[in-house]
């Protein structure tokens, strides 16, 4: 049975798992300091139906995907990262320039 314990979520085998994000401004921080902003997808849609699917029906596919995360309890900046949805491994973290 999974539960919360010792700095991460404890899996059935007793191995602690937790997601850490390497913020370019604050360093390596626990995911609990961030809010998930969703998949990073194309914004162009040729019609209303495609636009609806883009906004309300995320792909949620297995494997690497680009995502937006907001560092709510840190520098309060948006980040774009590439996270593997199967392993939770983060391969890249980029600042959002605006």
PDB file of N, CA and C in Angstrom:
ATOM      1  N   UNK A   1       0.844  -1.186   0.000  1.00  0.00           N
ATOM      2  CA  UNK A   1       0.000   0.000   0.000  1.00  0.00           C
ATOM      3  C   UNK A   1       0.881   1.237   0.000  1.00  0.00           C
ATOM      4  N   UNK A   2       0.590   2.188  -0.855  1.00  0.00           N
ATOM      5  CA  UNK A   2       1.396   3.399  -0.942  1.00  0.00           C
ATOM      6  C   UNK A   2       0.963   4.392   0.126  1.00  0.00           C
ATOM      7  N   UNK A   3       1.910   5.176   0.582  1.00  0.00           N
ATOM      8  CA  UNK A   3       1.607   6.190   1.583  1.00  0.00           C
ATOM      9  C   UNK A   3       2.660   7.275   1.554  1.00  0.00           C
ATOM     10  N   UNK A   4       2.513   8.260   2.415  1.00  0.00           N
ATOM     11  CA  UNK A   4       3.463   9.354   2.496  1.00  0.00           C
ATOM     12  C   UNK A   4       4.462   9.037   3.603  1.00  0.00           C
ATOM     13  N   UNK A   5       5.729   9.323   3.352  1.00  0.00           N
ATOM     14  CA  UNK A   5       6.709   9.090   4.396  1.00  0.00           C
ATOM     15  C   UNK A   5       8.077   9.612   4.029  1.00  0.00           C
ATOM     16  N   UNK A   6       8.804  10.073   5.000  1.00  0.00           N
ATOM     17  CA  UNK A   6      10.215  10.433   4.900  1.00  0.00           C
ATOM     18  C   UNK A   6      10.656  11.214   3.686  1.00  0.00           C
ATOM     19  N   UNK A   7       9.973  12.270   3.322  1.00  0.00           N
ATOM     20  CA  UNK A   7      10.418  13.132   2.247  1.00  0.00           C
ATOM     21  C   UNK A   7       9.963  12.737   0.861  1.00  0.00           C
ATOM     22  N   UNK A   8       9.211  11.682   0.738  1.00  0.00           N
ATOM     23  CA  UNK A   8       8.719  11.279  -0.573  1.00  0.00           C
ATOM     24  C   UNK A   8       7.559  10.327  -0.426  1.00  0.00           C
ATOM     25  N   UNK A   9       7.008   9.916  -1.531  1.00  0.00           N
ATOM     26  CA  UNK A   9       5.923   8.949  -1.508  1.00  0.00           C
ATOM     27  C   UNK A   9       6.560   7.565  -1.440  1.00  0.00           C
ATOM     28  N   UNK A  10       6.092   6.726  -0.546  1.00  0.00           N
ATOM     29  CA  UNK A  10       6.667   5.403  -0.382  1.00  0.00           C
ATOM     30  C   UNK A  10       5.875   4.408  -1.211  1.00  0.00           C
ATOM     31  N   UNK A  11       6.561   3.745  -2.126  1.00  0.00           N
ATOM     32  CA  UNK A  11       5.923   2.757  -2.985  1.00  0.00           C
ATOM     33  C   UNK A  11       5.712   1.460  -2.211  1.00  0.00           C
ATOM     34  N   UNK A  12       4.978   0.540  -2.794  1.00  0.00           N
ATOM     35  CA  UNK A  12       4.662  -0.731  -2.145  1.00  0.00           C
ATOM     36  C   UNK A  12       5.914  -1.501  -1.736  1.00  0.00           C
ATOM     37  N   UNK A  13       7.005  -1.371  -2.483  1.00  0.00           N
ATOM     38  CA  UNK A  13       8.231  -2.086  -2.163  1.00  0.00           C
ATOM     39  C   UNK A  13       9.038  -1.387  -1.066  1.00  0.00           C
ATOM     40  N   UNK A  14       8.573  -0.254  -0.559  1.00  0.00           N
ATOM     41  CA  UNK A  14       9.278   0.473   0.489  1.00  0.00           C
ATOM     42  C   UNK A  14      10.340   1.426  -0.019  1.00  0.00           C
ATOM     43  N   UNK A  15      10.356   1.692  -1.325  1.00  0.00           N
ATOM     44  CA  UNK A  15      11.339   2.598  -1.907  1.00  0.00           C
ATOM     45  C   UNK A  15      10.727   3.994  -1.983  1.00  0.00           C
ATOM     46  N   UNK A  16      11.409   4.980  -1.407  1.00  0.00           N
ATOM     47  CA  UNK A  16      10.908   6.355  -1.446  1.00  0.00           C
ATOM     48  C   UNK A  16      11.095   6.934  -2.847  1.00  0.00           C
ATOM     49  N   UNK A  17      10.055   7.536  -3.374  1.00  0.00           N
ATOM     50  CA  UNK A  17      10.136   8.199  -4.670  1.00  0.00           C
ATOM     51  C   UNK A  17       9.688   9.635  -4.496  1.00  0.00           C
ATOM     52  N   UNK A  18      10.295  10.518  -5.201  1.00  0.00           N
ATOM     53  CA  UNK A  18       9.924  11.921  -5.133  1.00  0.00           C
ATOM     54  C   UNK A  18      10.521  12.652  -6.322  1.00  0.00           C
ATOM     55  N   UNK A  19       9.828  13.642  -6.794  1.00  0.00           N
ATOM     56  CA  UNK A  19      10.264  14.395  -7.958  1.00  0.00           C
ATOM     57  C   UNK A  19      10.961  15.660  -7.478  1.00  0.00           C
ATOM     58  N   UNK A  20      12.172  15.874  -7.961  1.00  0.00           N
ATOM     59  CA  UNK A  20      12.913  17.095  -7.665  1.00  0.00           C
ATOM     60  C   UNK A  20      13.140  17.828  -8.975  1.00  0.00           C
ATOM     61  N   UNK A  21      12.963  19.135  -8.941  1.00  0.00           N
ATOM     62  CA  UNK A  21      13.120  19.965 -10.132  1.00  0.00           C
ATOM     63  C   UNK A  21      14.305  20.894  -9.900  1.00  0.00           C
ATOM     64  N   UNK A  22      15.228  20.919 -10.865  1.00  0.00           N
ATOM     65  CA  UNK A  22      16.415  21.765 -10.767  1.00  0.00           C
ATOM     66  C   UNK A  22      16.084  23.147 -11.325  1.00  0.00           C
ATOM     67  N   UNK A  23      15.590  24.024 -10.448  1.00  0.00           N
ATOM     68  CA  UNK A  23      15.219  25.385 -10.865  1.00  0.00           C
ATOM     69  C   UNK A  23      16.485  26.157 -11.241  1.00  0.00           C
ATOM     70  N   UNK A  24      16.515  26.811 -12.409  1.00  0.00           N
ATOM     71  CA  UNK A  24      17.705  27.565 -12.811  1.00  0.00           C
ATOM     72  C   UNK A  24      18.001  28.735 -11.882  1.00  0.00           C
ATOM     73  N   UNK A  25      17.014  29.165 -11.096  1.00  0.00           N
ATOM     74  CA  UNK A  25      17.191  30.305 -10.202  1.00  0.00           C
ATOM     75  C   UNK A  25      17.480  29.876  -8.764  1.00  0.00           C
ATOM     76  N   UNK A  26      16.878  28.769  -8.307  1.00  0.00           N
ATOM     77  CA  UNK A  26      16.921  28.375  -6.890  1.00  0.00           C
ATOM     78  C   UNK A  26      17.659  27.071  -6.630  1.00  0.00           C
ATOM     79  N   UNK A  27      18.017  26.327  -7.666  1.00  0.00           N
ATOM     80  CA  UNK A  27      18.679  25.040  -7.483  1.00  0.00           C
ATOM     81  C   UNK A  27      17.681  23.898  -7.370  1.00  0.00           C
ATOM     82  N   UNK A  28      18.151  22.748  -6.923  1.00  0.00           N
ATOM     83  CA  UNK A  28      17.337  21.536  -6.826  1.00  0.00           C
ATOM     84  C   UNK A  28      16.302  21.677  -5.712  1.00  0.00           C
ATOM     85  N   UNK A  29      15.021  21.583  -6.073  1.00  0.00           N
ATOM     86  CA  UNK A  29      13.922  21.817  -5.134  1.00  0.00           C
ATOM     87  C   UNK A  29      12.890  20.701  -5.271  1.00  0.00           C
ATOM     88  N   UNK A  30      12.145  20.375  -4.188  1.00  0.00           N
ATOM     89  CA  UNK A  30      11.097  19.356  -4.276  1.00  0.00           C
ATOM     90  C   UNK A  30       9.924  19.843  -5.128  1.00  0.00           C
ATOM     91  N   UNK A  31       9.256  18.915  -5.805  1.00  0.00           N
ATOM     92  CA  UNK A  31       8.150  19.269  -6.694  1.00  0.00           C
ATOM     93  C   UNK A  31       7.009  19.957  -5.950  1.00  0.00           C
ATOM     94  N   UNK A  32       6.934  19.775  -4.627  1.00  0.00           N
ATOM     95  CA  UNK A  32       5.852  20.381  -3.845  1.00  0.00           C
ATOM     96  C   UNK A  32       5.942  21.901  -3.802  1.00  0.00           C
ATOM     97  N   UNK A  33       7.076  22.467  -4.204  1.00  0.00           N
ATOM     98  CA  UNK A  33       7.206  23.925  -4.277  1.00  0.00           C
ATOM     99  C   UNK A  33       6.648  24.482  -5.585  1.00  0.00           C
ATOM    100  N   UNK A  34       6.289  23.599  -6.512  1.00  0.00           N
ATOM    101  CA  UNK A  34       5.856  24.009  -7.848  1.00  0.00           C
ATOM    102  C   UNK A  34       4.378  23.679  -8.066  1.00  0.00           C
ATOM    103  N   UNK A  35       3.763  24.390  -9.001  1.00  0.00           N
ATOM    104  CA  UNK A  35       2.432  24.021  -9.471  1.00  0.00           C
ATOM    105  C   UNK A  35       2.551  23.636 -10.944  1.00  0.00           C
ATOM    106  N   UNK A  36       1.815  22.593 -11.325  1.00  0.00           N
ATOM    107  CA  UNK A  36       1.861  22.066 -12.680  1.00  0.00           C
ATOM    108  C   UNK A  36       1.024  22.940 -13.595  1.00  0.00           C
ATOM    109  N   UNK A  37       1.628  23.392 -14.696  1.00  0.00           N
ATOM    110  CA  UNK A  37       0.934  24.253 -15.639  1.00  0.00           C
ATOM    111  C   UNK A  37       0.422  23.540 -16.871  1.00  0.00           C
ATOM    112  N   UNK A  38       0.715  22.249 -17.006  1.00  0.00           N
ATOM    113  CA  UNK A  38       0.195  21.480 -18.126  1.00  0.00           C
ATOM    114  C   UNK A  38       1.221  21.226 -19.207  1.00  0.00           C
ATOM    115  N   UNK A  39       0.796  20.391 -20.151  1.00  0.00           N
ATOM    116  CA  UNK A  39       1.629  20.082 -21.312  1.00  0.00           C
ATOM    117  C   UNK A  39       1.844  21.329 -22.143  1.00  0.00           C
ATOM    118  N   UNK A  40       2.987  21.422 -22.765  1.00  0.00           N
ATOM    119  CA  UNK A  40       3.277  22.515 -23.686  1.00  0.00           C
ATOM    120  C   UNK A  40       2.901  22.033 -25.079  1.00  0.00           C
ATOM    121  N   UNK A  41       1.844  22.610 -25.638  1.00  0.00           N
ATOM    122  CA  UNK A  41       1.327  22.166 -26.933  1.00  0.00           C
ATOM    123  C   UNK A  41       1.228  23.344 -27.895  1.00  0.00           C
ATOM    124  N   UNK A  42       1.054  23.032 -29.177  1.00  0.00           N
ATOM    125  CA  UNK A  42       0.856  24.082 -30.178  1.00  0.00           C
ATOM    126  C   UNK A  42      -0.354  24.926 -29.819  1.00  0.00           C
ATOM    127  N   UNK A  43      -0.275  26.224 -30.095  1.00  0.00           N
ATOM    128  CA  UNK A  43      -1.410  27.094 -29.812  1.00  0.00           C
ATOM    129  C   UNK A  43      -2.264  27.362 -31.041  1.00  0.00           C
ATOM    130  N   UNK A  44      -1.760  27.053 -32.204  1.00  0.00           N
ATOM    131  CA  UNK A  44      -2.530  27.281 -33.424  1.00  0.00           C
ATOM    132  C   UNK A  44      -3.532  26.164 -33.688  1.00  0.00           C
ATOM    133  N   UNK A  45      -4.779  26.533 -33.916  1.00  0.00           N
ATOM    134  CA  UNK A  45      -5.819  25.559 -34.241  1.00  0.00           C
ATOM    135  C   UNK A  45      -6.622  26.072 -35.430  1.00  0.00           C
ATOM    136  N   UNK A  46      -6.829  25.219 -36.428  1.00  0.00           N
ATOM    137  CA  UNK A  46      -7.523  25.682 -37.635  1.00  0.00           C
ATOM    138  C   UNK A  46      -9.027  25.889 -37.445  1.00  0.00           C
ATOM    139  N   UNK A  47      -9.633  25.236 -36.433  1.00  0.00           N
ATOM    140  CA  UNK A  47     -11.078  25.380 -36.241  1.00  0.00           C
ATOM    141  C   UNK A  47     -11.421  25.218 -34.755  1.00  0.00           C
ATOM    142  N   UNK A  48     -12.685  25.444 -34.425  1.00  0.00           N
ATOM    143  CA  UNK A  48     -13.139  25.411 -33.029  1.00  0.00           C
ATOM    144  C   UNK A  48     -13.007  24.021 -32.404  1.00  0.00           C
ATOM    145  N   UNK A  49     -13.291  22.969 -33.163  1.00  0.00           N
ATOM    146  CA  UNK A  49     -13.212  21.615 -32.621  1.00  0.00           C
ATOM    147  C   UNK A  49     -11.770  21.247 -32.257  1.00  0.00           C
ATOM    148  N   UNK A  50     -10.836  21.578 -33.133  1.00  0.00           N
ATOM    149  CA  UNK A  50      -9.422  21.307 -32.867  1.00  0.00           C
ATOM    150  C   UNK A  50      -8.939  22.138 -31.682  1.00  0.00           C
ATOM    151  N   UNK A  51      -9.412  23.376 -31.587  1.00  0.00           N
ATOM    152  CA  UNK A  51      -9.035  24.225 -30.461  1.00  0.00           C
ATOM    153  C   UNK A  51      -9.568  23.653 -29.149  1.00  0.00           C
ATOM    154  N   UNK A  52     -10.790  23.157 -29.148  1.00  0.00           N
ATOM    155  CA  UNK A  52     -11.364  22.527 -27.958  1.00  0.00           C
ATOM    156  C   UNK A  52     -10.518  21.331 -27.523  1.00  0.00           C
ATOM    157  N   UNK A  53     -10.155  20.469 -28.484  1.00  0.00           N
ATOM    158  CA  UNK A  53      -9.333  19.296 -28.173  1.00  0.00           C
ATOM    159  C   UNK A  53      -7.974  19.707 -27.611  1.00  0.00           C
ATOM    160  N   UNK A  54      -7.370  20.755 -28.184  1.00  0.00           N
ATOM    161  CA  UNK A  54      -6.063  21.226 -27.723  1.00  0.00           C
ATOM    162  C   UNK A  54      -6.128  21.691 -26.271  1.00  0.00           C
ATOM    163  N   UNK A  55      -7.186  22.408 -25.909  1.00  0.00           N
ATOM    164  CA  UNK A  55      -7.292  22.980 -24.567  1.00  0.00           C
ATOM    165  C   UNK A  55      -7.765  21.962 -23.539  1.00  0.00           C
ATOM    166  N   UNK A  56      -8.779  21.175 -23.868  1.00  0.00           N
ATOM    167  CA  UNK A  56      -9.437  20.337 -22.860  1.00  0.00           C
ATOM    168  C   UNK A  56      -9.123  18.847 -22.920  1.00  0.00           C
ATOM    169  N   UNK A  57      -8.439  18.401 -23.954  1.00  0.00           N
ATOM    170  CA  UNK A  57      -8.133  16.975 -24.073  1.00  0.00           C
ATOM    171  C   UNK A  57      -6.628  16.781 -24.257  1.00  0.00           C
ATOM    172  N   UNK A  58      -5.860  16.868 -23.171  1.00  0.00           N
ATOM    173  CA  UNK A  58      -4.409  16.722 -23.305  1.00  0.00           C
ATOM    174  C   UNK A  58      -4.025  15.327 -23.783  1.00  0.00           C
ATOM    175  N   UNK A  59      -2.895  15.226 -24.439  1.00  0.00           N
ATOM    176  CA  UNK A  59      -2.413  13.961 -24.975  1.00  0.00           C
ATOM    177  C   UNK A  59      -2.131  12.965 -23.861  1.00  0.00           C
ATOM    178  N   UNK A  60      -1.436  13.413 -22.831  1.00  0.00           N
ATOM    179  CA  UNK A  60      -1.140  12.573 -21.667  1.00  0.00           C
ATOM    180  C   UNK A  60      -0.473  11.264 -22.065  1.00  0.00           C
ATOM    181  N   UNK A  61       0.378  11.309 -23.078  1.00  0.00           N
ATOM    182  CA  UNK A  61       1.021  10.104 -23.590  1.00  0.00           C
ATOM    183  C   UNK A  61       2.189   9.645 -22.739  1.00  0.00           C
ATOM    184  N   UNK A  62       2.549   8.389 -22.876  1.00  0.00           N
ATOM    185  CA  UNK A  62       3.702   7.840 -22.170  1.00  0.00           C
ATOM    186  C   UNK A  62       4.983   8.281 -22.872  1.00  0.00           C
ATOM    187  N   UNK A  63       5.981   8.661 -22.094  1.00  0.00           N
ATOM    188  CA  UNK A  63       7.263   9.079 -22.646  1.00  0.00           C
ATOM    189  C   UNK A  63       7.533  10.542 -22.403  1.00  0.00           C
ATOM    190  N   UNK A  64       8.564  11.088 -23.039  1.00  0.00           N
ATOM    191  CA  UNK A  64       8.947  12.487 -22.817  1.00  0.00           C
ATOM    192  C   UNK A  64       7.875  13.464 -23.302  1.00  0.00           C
ATOM    193  N   UNK A  65       7.629  14.478 -22.490  1.00  0.00           N
ATOM    194  CA  UNK A  65       6.742  15.561 -22.925  1.00  0.00           C
ATOM    195  C   UNK A  65       7.225  16.861 -22.306  1.00  0.00           C
ATOM    196  N   UNK A  66       6.992  17.956 -23.032  1.00  0.00           N
ATOM    197  CA  UNK A  66       7.363  19.285 -22.531  1.00  0.00           C
ATOM    198  C   UNK A  66       6.210  19.809 -21.701  1.00  0.00           C
ATOM    199  N   UNK A  67       6.558  20.353 -20.536  1.00  0.00           N
ATOM    200  CA  UNK A  67       5.551  20.817 -19.585  1.00  0.00           C
ATOM    201  C   UNK A  67       5.944  22.171 -19.020  1.00  0.00           C
ATOM    202  N   UNK A  68       4.952  22.897 -18.531  1.00  0.00           N
ATOM    203  CA  UNK A  68       5.174  24.155 -17.824  1.00  0.00           C
ATOM    204  C   UNK A  68       4.944  23.920 -16.336  1.00  0.00           C
ATOM    205  N   UNK A  69       5.840  24.457 -15.514  1.00  0.00           N
ATOM    206  CA  UNK A  69       5.733  24.389 -14.060  1.00  0.00           C
ATOM    207  C   UNK A  69       6.004  25.789 -13.514  1.00  0.00           C
ATOM    208  N   UNK A  70       5.248  26.197 -12.483  1.00  0.00           N
ATOM    209  CA  UNK A  70       5.414  27.499 -11.849  1.00  0.00           C
ATOM    210  C   UNK A  70       6.021  27.304 -10.467  1.00  0.00           C
ATOM    211  N   UNK A  71       7.128  27.980 -10.175  1.00  0.00           N
ATOM    212  CA  UNK A  71       7.790  27.845  -8.871  1.00  0.00           C
ATOM    213  C   UNK A  71       7.096  28.759  -7.856  1.00  0.00           C
ATOM    214  N   UNK A  72       5.963  28.279  -7.356  1.00  0.00           N
ATOM    215  CA  UNK A  72       5.092  29.067  -6.476  1.00  0.00           C
ATOM    216  C   UNK A  72       5.743  29.396  -5.133  1.00  0.00           C
ATOM    217  N   UNK A  73       6.514  28.463  -4.576  1.00  0.00           N
ATOM    218  CA  UNK A  73       7.121  28.681  -3.263  1.00  0.00           C
ATOM    219  C   UNK A  73       8.627  28.874  -3.378  1.00  0.00           C
ATOM    220  N   UNK A  74       9.012  29.597  -4.408  1.00  0.00           N
ATOM    221  CA  UNK A  74      10.428  29.884  -4.648  1.00  0.00           C
ATOM    222  C   UNK A  74      10.547  31.210  -5.363  1.00  0.00           C
ATOM    223  N   UNK A  75      11.142  31.201  -6.544  1.00  0.00           N
ATOM    224  CA  UNK A  75      11.402  32.419  -7.312  1.00  0.00           C
ATOM    225  C   UNK A  75      10.165  32.981  -8.008  1.00  0.00           C
ATOM    226  N   UNK A  76       9.063  32.222  -8.001  1.00  0.00           N
ATOM    227  CA  UNK A  76       7.796  32.631  -8.610  1.00  0.00           C
ATOM    228  C   UNK A  76       7.943  32.882 -10.127  1.00  0.00           C
ATOM    229  N   UNK A  77       8.696  32.001 -10.774  1.00  0.00           N
ATOM    230  CA  UNK A  77       8.877  32.087 -12.226  1.00  0.00           C
ATOM    231  C   UNK A  77       8.415  30.803 -12.880  1.00  0.00           C
ATOM    232  N   UNK A  78       8.012  30.926 -14.151  1.00  0.00           N
ATOM    233  CA  UNK A  78       7.601  29.771 -14.938  1.00  0.00           C
ATOM    234  C   UNK A  78       8.823  29.085 -15.511  1.00  0.00           C
ATOM    235  N   UNK A  79       8.780  27.746 -15.561  1.00  0.00           N
ATOM    236  CA  UNK A  79       9.823  26.935 -16.167  1.00  0.00           C
ATOM    237  C   UNK A  79       9.192  26.027 -17.208  1.00  0.00           C
ATOM    238  N   UNK A  80       9.954  25.696 -18.228  1.00  0.00           N
ATOM    239  CA  UNK A  80       9.552  24.677 -19.187  1.00  0.00           C
ATOM    240  C   UNK A  80      10.513  23.519 -19.001  1.00  0.00           C
ATOM    241  N   UNK A  81       9.973  22.335 -18.783  1.00  0.00           N
ATOM    242  CA  UNK A  81      10.851  21.190 -18.607  1.00  0.00           C
ATOM    243  C   UNK A  81      10.392  20.025 -19.461  1.00  0.00           C
ATOM    244  N   UNK A  82      11.325  19.128 -19.742  1.00  0.00           N
ATOM    245  CA  UNK A  82      11.025  17.904 -20.468  1.00  0.00           C
ATOM    246  C   UNK A  82      11.070  16.773 -19.455  1.00  0.00           C
ATOM    247  N   UNK A  83       9.907  16.135 -19.244  1.00  0.00           N
ATOM    248  CA  UNK A  83       9.779  15.084 -18.232  1.00  0.00           C
ATOM    249  C   UNK A  83       9.247  13.821 -18.894  1.00  0.00           C
ATOM    250  N   UNK A  84       9.871  12.692 -18.570  1.00  0.00           N
ATOM    251  CA  UNK A  84       9.387  11.406 -19.050  1.00  0.00           C
ATOM    252  C   UNK A  84       8.245  10.976 -18.133  1.00  0.00           C
ATOM    253  N   UNK A  85       7.053  10.829 -18.677  1.00  0.00           N
ATOM    254  CA  UNK A  85       5.876  10.520 -17.863  1.00  0.00           C
ATOM    255  C   UNK A  85       5.876   9.093 -17.326  1.00  0.00           C
ATOM    256  N   UNK A  86       6.730   8.236 -17.854  1.00  0.00           N
ATOM    257  CA  UNK A  86       6.821   6.860 -17.379  1.00  0.00           C
ATOM    258  C   UNK A  86       7.755   6.771 -16.172  1.00  0.00           C
ATOM    259  N   UNK A  87       8.928   7.408 -16.278  1.00  0.00           N
ATOM    260  CA  UNK A  87       9.943   7.305 -15.223  1.00  0.00           C
ATOM    261  C   UNK A  87      10.009   8.525 -14.314  1.00  0.00           C
ATOM    262  N   UNK A  88       9.351   9.624 -14.686  1.00  0.00           N
ATOM    263  CA  UNK A  88       9.411  10.912 -13.990  1.00  0.00           C
ATOM    264  C   UNK A  88      10.784  11.561 -14.084  1.00  0.00           C
ATOM    265  N   UNK A  89      11.638  11.058 -14.955  1.00  0.00           N
ATOM    266  CA  UNK A  89      12.961  11.645 -15.144  1.00  0.00           C
ATOM    267  C   UNK A  89      12.830  12.968 -15.880  1.00  0.00           C
ATOM    268  N   UNK A  90      13.528  13.976 -15.377  1.00  0.00           N
ATOM    269  CA  UNK A  90      13.530  15.293 -16.007  1.00  0.00           C
ATOM    270  C   UNK A  90      14.830  15.439 -16.782  1.00  0.00           C
ATOM    271  N   UNK A  91      14.723  15.652 -18.092  1.00  0.00           N
ATOM    272  CA  UNK A  91      15.900  15.733 -18.956  1.00  0.00           C
ATOM    273  C   UNK A  91      16.359  17.145 -19.215  1.00  0.00           C
ATOM    274  N   UNK A  92      15.464  18.125 -19.153  1.00  0.00           N
ATOM    275  CA  UNK A  92      15.844  19.502 -19.431  1.00  0.00           C
ATOM    276  C   UNK A  92      14.929  20.449 -18.688  1.00  0.00           C
ATOM    277  N   UNK A  93      15.516  21.552 -18.197  1.00  0.00           N
ATOM    278  CA  UNK A  93      14.740  22.612 -17.554  1.00  0.00           C
ATOM    279  C   UNK A  93      15.176  23.919 -18.192  1.00  0.00           C
ATOM    280  N   UNK A  94      14.219  24.682 -18.685  1.00  0.00           N
ATOM    281  CA  UNK A  94      14.499  25.958 -19.335  1.00  0.00           C
ATOM    282  C   UNK A  94      13.695  27.060 -18.687  1.00  0.00           C
ATOM    283  N   UNK A  95      14.281  28.249 -18.652  1.00  0.00           N
ATOM    284  CA  UNK A  95      13.544  29.421 -18.192  1.00  0.00           C
ATOM    285  C   UNK A  95      12.545  29.818 -19.259  1.00  0.00           C
ATOM    286  N   UNK A  96      11.396  30.333 -18.821  1.00  0.00           N
ATOM    287  CA  UNK A  96      10.432  30.872 -19.765  1.00  0.00           C
ATOM    288  C   UNK A  96      10.752  32.350 -19.928  1.00  0.00           C
ATOM    289  N   UNK A  97      11.054  32.724 -21.130  1.00  0.00           N
ATOM    290  CA  UNK A  97      11.394  34.121 -21.412  1.00  0.00           C
ATOM    291  C   UNK A  97      10.144  34.835 -21.886  1.00  0.00           C
ATOM    292  N   UNK A  98       9.956  36.028 -21.368  1.00  0.00           N
ATOM    293  CA  UNK A  98       8.735  36.716 -21.761  1.00  0.00           C
ATOM    294  C   UNK A  98       8.832  38.177 -21.805  1.00  0.00           C
TER     295      UNK A  98
END
